[in-house]
Amino acid sequence: MREYVGVCVECGTEVYCHDGFIGGIVLEKGKLICFPCSEAKEKKETNDEIEE
């Protein structure tokens, strides 16, 4: 079963719940971010820390 949950705040992709598992991460104040954007953001933050 697939149920619409909301839109990714980074890229605007629709986020769905698949059989009880959300296709992204819920941020503060109920905002959503999809897994690809979350991974890209995490990778960028890791690279920024290494460069410092």
PDB file of N, CA and C in Angstrom:
ATOM      1  N   MET A   1       0.834  -1.177   0.000  1.00  0.00           N
ATOM      2  CA  MET A   1       0.000   0.000   0.000  1.00  0.00           C
ATOM      3  C   MET A   1       0.883   1.245   0.000  1.00  0.00           C
ATOM      4  N   ARG A   2       0.528   2.217  -0.787  1.00  0.00           N
ATOM      5  CA  ARG A   2       1.299   3.458  -0.904  1.00  0.00           C
ATOM      6  C   ARG A   2       0.377   4.635  -0.588  1.00  0.00           C
ATOM      7  N   GLU A   3       0.809   5.470   0.363  1.00  0.00           N
ATOM      8  CA  GLU A   3      -0.002   6.604   0.785  1.00  0.00           C
ATOM      9  C   GLU A   3       0.825   7.881   0.740  1.00  0.00           C
ATOM     10  N   TYR A   4       0.287   8.918   0.117  1.00  0.00           N
ATOM     11  CA  TYR A   4       0.958  10.207   0.020  1.00  0.00           C
ATOM     12  C   TYR A   4       1.135  10.815   1.411  1.00  0.00           C
ATOM     13  N   VAL A   5       2.361  11.320   1.702  1.00  0.00           N
ATOM     14  CA  VAL A   5       2.651  11.917   2.998  1.00  0.00           C
ATOM     15  C   VAL A   5       2.885  13.422   2.873  1.00  0.00           C
ATOM     16  N   GLY A   6       3.621  13.836   1.846  1.00  0.00           N
ATOM     17  CA  GLY A   6       3.924  15.255   1.676  1.00  0.00           C
ATOM     18  C   GLY A   6       4.979  15.466   0.615  1.00  0.00           C
ATOM     19  N   VAL A   7       5.640  16.627   0.662  1.00  0.00           N
ATOM     20  CA  VAL A   7       6.617  17.020  -0.354  1.00  0.00           C
ATOM     21  C   VAL A   7       7.965  17.298   0.306  1.00  0.00           C
ATOM     22  N   CYS A   8       9.039  16.879  -0.342  1.00  0.00           N
ATOM     23  CA  CYS A   8      10.402  17.142   0.139  1.00  0.00           C
ATOM     24  C   CYS A   8      10.664  18.650   0.117  1.00  0.00           C
ATOM     25  N   VAL A   9      11.179  19.190   1.232  1.00  0.00           N
ATOM     26  CA  VAL A   9      11.453  20.621   1.322  1.00  0.00           C
ATOM     27  C   VAL A   9      12.666  21.033   0.481  1.00  0.00           C
ATOM     28  N   GLU A  10      13.496  20.078   0.091  1.00  0.00           N
ATOM     29  CA  GLU A  10      14.693  20.382  -0.697  1.00  0.00           C
ATOM     30  C   GLU A  10      14.421  20.395  -2.200  1.00  0.00           C
ATOM     31  N   CYS A  11      13.766  19.338  -2.706  1.00  0.00           N
ATOM     32  CA  CYS A  11      13.621  19.207  -4.164  1.00  0.00           C
ATOM     33  C   CYS A  11      12.172  19.210  -4.656  1.00  0.00           C
ATOM     34  N   GLY A  12      11.217  19.121  -3.739  1.00  0.00           N
ATOM     35  CA  GLY A  12       9.813  19.148  -4.135  1.00  0.00           C
ATOM     36  C   GLY A  12       9.236  17.815  -4.564  1.00  0.00           C
ATOM     37  N   THR A  13      10.001  16.739  -4.431  1.00  0.00           N
ATOM     38  CA  THR A  13       9.530  15.402  -4.784  1.00  0.00           C
ATOM     39  C   THR A  13       8.447  14.962  -3.806  1.00  0.00           C
ATOM     40  N   GLU A  14       7.436  14.294  -4.318  1.00  0.00           N
ATOM     41  CA  GLU A  14       6.388  13.768  -3.449  1.00  0.00           C
ATOM     42  C   GLU A  14       6.945  12.608  -2.626  1.00  0.00           C
ATOM     43  N   VAL A  15       6.638  12.601  -1.326  1.00  0.00           N
ATOM     44  CA  VAL A  15       7.105  11.564  -0.413  1.00  0.00           C
ATOM     45  C   VAL A  15       5.901  10.702  -0.048  1.00  0.00           C
ATOM     46  N   TYR A  16       6.091   9.386  -0.092  1.00  0.00           N
ATOM     47  CA  TYR A  16       5.019   8.442   0.188  1.00  0.00           C
ATOM     48  C   TYR A  16       5.397   7.511   1.332  1.00  0.00           C
ATOM     49  N   CYS A  17       4.386   6.938   1.947  1.00  0.00           N
ATOM     50  CA  CYS A  17       4.538   5.888   2.933  1.00  0.00           C
ATOM     51  C   CYS A  17       4.270   4.570   2.203  1.00  0.00           C
ATOM     52  N   HIS A  18       5.216   3.644   2.269  1.00  0.00           N
ATOM     53  CA  HIS A  18       5.099   2.343   1.603  1.00  0.00           C
ATOM     54  C   HIS A  18       4.968   1.258   2.664  1.00  0.00           C
ATOM     55  N   ASP A  19       3.781   0.702   2.793  1.00  0.00           N
ATOM     56  CA  ASP A  19       3.536  -0.381   3.757  1.00  0.00           C
ATOM     57  C   ASP A  19       4.045  -0.046   5.155  1.00  0.00           C
ATOM     58  N   GLY A  20       3.827   1.189   5.598  1.00  0.00           N
ATOM     59  CA  GLY A  20       4.210   1.595   6.943  1.00  0.00           C
ATOM     60  C   GLY A  20       5.587   2.218   7.064  1.00  0.00           C
ATOM     61  N   PHE A  21       6.340   2.289   5.961  1.00  0.00           N
ATOM     62  CA  PHE A  21       7.680   2.882   5.984  1.00  0.00           C
ATOM     63  C   PHE A  21       7.686   4.148   5.141  1.00  0.00           C
ATOM     64  N   ILE A  22       8.014   5.277   5.771  1.00  0.00           N
ATOM     65  CA  ILE A  22       8.022   6.552   5.070  1.00  0.00           C
ATOM     66  C   ILE A  22       9.249   6.634   4.170  1.00  0.00           C
ATOM     67  N   GLY A  23       9.075   7.195   2.988  1.00  0.00           N
ATOM     68  CA  GLY A  23      10.151   7.290   1.997  1.00  0.00           C
ATOM     69  C   GLY A  23      11.007   8.520   2.182  1.00  0.00           C
ATOM     70  N   GLY A  24      11.273   8.888   3.412  1.00  0.00           N
ATOM     71  CA  GLY A  24      12.083  10.057   3.699  1.00  0.00           C
ATOM     72  C   GLY A  24      12.245  10.226   5.192  1.00  0.00           C
ATOM     73  N   ILE A  25      12.621  11.437   5.592  1.00  0.00           N
ATOM     74  CA  ILE A  25      12.862  11.728   7.001  1.00  0.00           C
ATOM     75  C   ILE A  25      11.990  12.913   7.409  1.00  0.00           C
ATOM     76  N   VAL A  26      11.371  12.808   8.566  1.00  0.00           N
ATOM     77  CA  VAL A  26      10.568  13.908   9.099  1.00  0.00           C
ATOM     78  C   VAL A  26      11.500  14.826   9.887  1.00  0.00           C
ATOM     79  N   LEU A  27      11.525  16.087   9.494  1.00  0.00           N
ATOM     80  CA  LEU A  27      12.368  17.084  10.153  1.00  0.00           C
ATOM     81  C   LEU A  27      11.556  17.851  11.186  1.00  0.00           C
ATOM     82  N   GLU A  28      12.154  18.874  11.746  1.00  0.00           N
ATOM     83  CA  GLU A  28      11.467  19.714  12.724  1.00  0.00           C
ATOM     84  C   GLU A  28      10.194  20.305  12.127  1.00  0.00           C
ATOM     85  N   LYS A  29       9.216  20.493  12.957  1.00  0.00           N
ATOM     86  CA  LYS A  29       7.936  21.103  12.592  1.00  0.00           C
ATOM     87  C   LYS A  29       7.212  20.328  11.494  1.00  0.00           C
ATOM     88  N   GLY A  30       7.481  19.025  11.380  1.00  0.00           N
ATOM     89  CA  GLY A  30       6.756  18.175  10.446  1.00  0.00           C
ATOM     90  C   GLY A  30       7.183  18.281   8.995  1.00  0.00           C
ATOM     91  N   LYS A  31       8.278  18.960   8.722  1.00  0.00           N
ATOM     92  CA  LYS A  31       8.765  19.061   7.343  1.00  0.00           C
ATOM     93  C   LYS A  31       9.391  17.737   6.934  1.00  0.00           C
ATOM     94  N   LEU A  32       9.357  17.452   5.622  1.00  0.00           N
ATOM     95  CA  LEU A  32       9.889  16.192   5.093  1.00  0.00           C
ATOM     96  C   LEU A  32      11.071  16.436   4.178  1.00  0.00           C
ATOM     97  N   ILE A  33      11.985  15.472   4.154  1.00  0.00           N
ATOM     98  CA  ILE A  33      13.081  15.474   3.193  1.00  0.00           C
ATOM     99  C   ILE A  33      13.204  14.046   2.665  1.00  0.00           C
ATOM    100  N   CYS A  34      13.299  13.906   1.343  1.00  0.00           N
ATOM    101  CA  CYS A  34      13.394  12.572   0.748  1.00  0.00           C
ATOM    102  C   CYS A  34      14.778  11.983   1.020  1.00  0.00           C
ATOM    103  N   PHE A  35      14.891  10.672   0.912  1.00  0.00           N
ATOM    104  CA  PHE A  35      16.167  10.020   1.197  1.00  0.00           C
ATOM    105  C   PHE A  35      17.311  10.498   0.290  1.00  0.00           C
ATOM    106  N   PRO A  36      17.102  10.652  -1.030  1.00  0.00           N
ATOM    107  CA  PRO A  36      18.219  11.139  -1.858  1.00  0.00           C
ATOM    108  C   PRO A  36      18.733  12.512  -1.418  1.00  0.00           C
ATOM    109  N   CYS A  37      17.838  13.432  -1.080  1.00  0.00           N
ATOM    110  CA  CYS A  37      18.269  14.758  -0.616  1.00  0.00           C
ATOM    111  C   CYS A  37      18.951  14.664   0.743  1.00  0.00           C
ATOM    112  N   SER A  38      18.430  13.813   1.608  1.00  0.00           N
ATOM    113  CA  SER A  38      19.029  13.630   2.927  1.00  0.00           C
ATOM    114  C   SER A  38      20.451  13.102   2.806  1.00  0.00           C
ATOM    115  N   GLU A  39      20.643  12.124   1.929  1.00  0.00           N
ATOM    116  CA  GLU A  39      21.978  11.545   1.734  1.00  0.00           C
ATOM    117  C   GLU A  39      22.925  12.562   1.125  1.00  0.00           C
ATOM    118  N   ALA A  40      22.450  13.341   0.153  1.00  0.00           N
ATOM    119  CA  ALA A  40      23.297  14.358  -0.475  1.00  0.00           C
ATOM    120  C   ALA A  40      23.681  15.436   0.535  1.00  0.00           C
ATOM    121  N   LYS A  41      22.727  15.833   1.376  1.00  0.00           N
ATOM    122  CA  LYS A  41      22.999  16.848   2.381  1.00  0.00           C
ATOM    123  C   LYS A  41      24.002  16.340   3.406  1.00  0.00           C
ATOM    124  N   GLU A  42      23.846  15.089   3.821  1.00  0.00           N
ATOM    125  CA  GLU A  42      24.772  14.485   4.780  1.00  0.00           C
ATOM    126  C   GLU A  42      26.173  14.378   4.197  1.00  0.00           C
ATOM    127  N   LYS A  43      26.250  13.980   2.929  1.00  0.00           N
ATOM    128  CA  LYS A  43      27.550  13.853   2.261  1.00  0.00           C
ATOM    129  C   LYS A  43      28.232  15.220   2.156  1.00  0.00           C
ATOM    130  N   LYS A  44      27.471  16.257   1.812  1.00  0.00           N
ATOM    131  CA  LYS A  44      28.023  17.602   1.703  1.00  0.00           C
ATOM    132  C   LYS A  44      28.529  18.076   3.057  1.00  0.00           C
ATOM    133  N   GLU A  45      27.751  17.845   4.127  1.00  0.00           N
ATOM    134  CA  GLU A  45      28.175  18.259   5.461  1.00  0.00           C
ATOM    135  C   GLU A  45      29.439  17.526   5.888  1.00  0.00           C
ATOM    136  N   THR A  46      29.548  16.241   5.544  1.00  0.00           N
ATOM    137  CA  THR A  46      30.738  15.462   5.878  1.00  0.00           C
ATOM    138  C   THR A  46      31.954  16.009   5.134  1.00  0.00           C
ATOM    139  N   ASN A  47      31.778  16.337   3.845  1.00  0.00           N
ATOM    140  CA  ASN A  47      32.879  16.881   3.050  1.00  0.00           C
ATOM    141  C   ASN A  47      33.311  18.246   3.585  1.00  0.00           C
ATOM    142  N   ASP A  48      32.348  19.060   4.015  1.00  0.00           N
ATOM    143  CA  ASP A  48      32.668  20.382   4.567  1.00  0.00           C
ATOM    144  C   ASP A  48      33.482  20.236   5.851  1.00  0.00           C
ATOM    145  N   GLU A  49      33.148  19.246   6.683  1.00  0.00           N
ATOM    146  CA  GLU A  49      33.895  19.021   7.931  1.00  0.00           C
ATOM    147  C   GLU A  49      35.317  18.578   7.640  1.00  0.00           C
ATOM    148  N   ILE A  50      35.489  17.750   6.624  1.00  0.00           N
ATOM    149  CA  ILE A  50      36.833  17.249   6.273  1.00  0.00           C
ATOM    150  C   ILE A  50      37.705  18.398   5.776  1.00  0.00           C
ATOM    151  N   GLU A  51      37.138  19.322   5.009  1.00  0.00           N
ATOM    152  CA  GLU A  51      37.889  20.434   4.456  1.00  0.00           C
ATOM    153  C   GLU A  51      38.338  21.435   5.516  1.00  0.00           C
ATOM    154  N   GLU A  52      37.645  21.454   6.655  1.00  0.00           N
ATOM    155  CA  GLU A  52      37.990  22.420   7.714  1.00  0.00           C
ATOM    156  C   GLU A  52      39.203  21.999   8.414  1.00  0.00           C
TER     157      GLU A  52
END
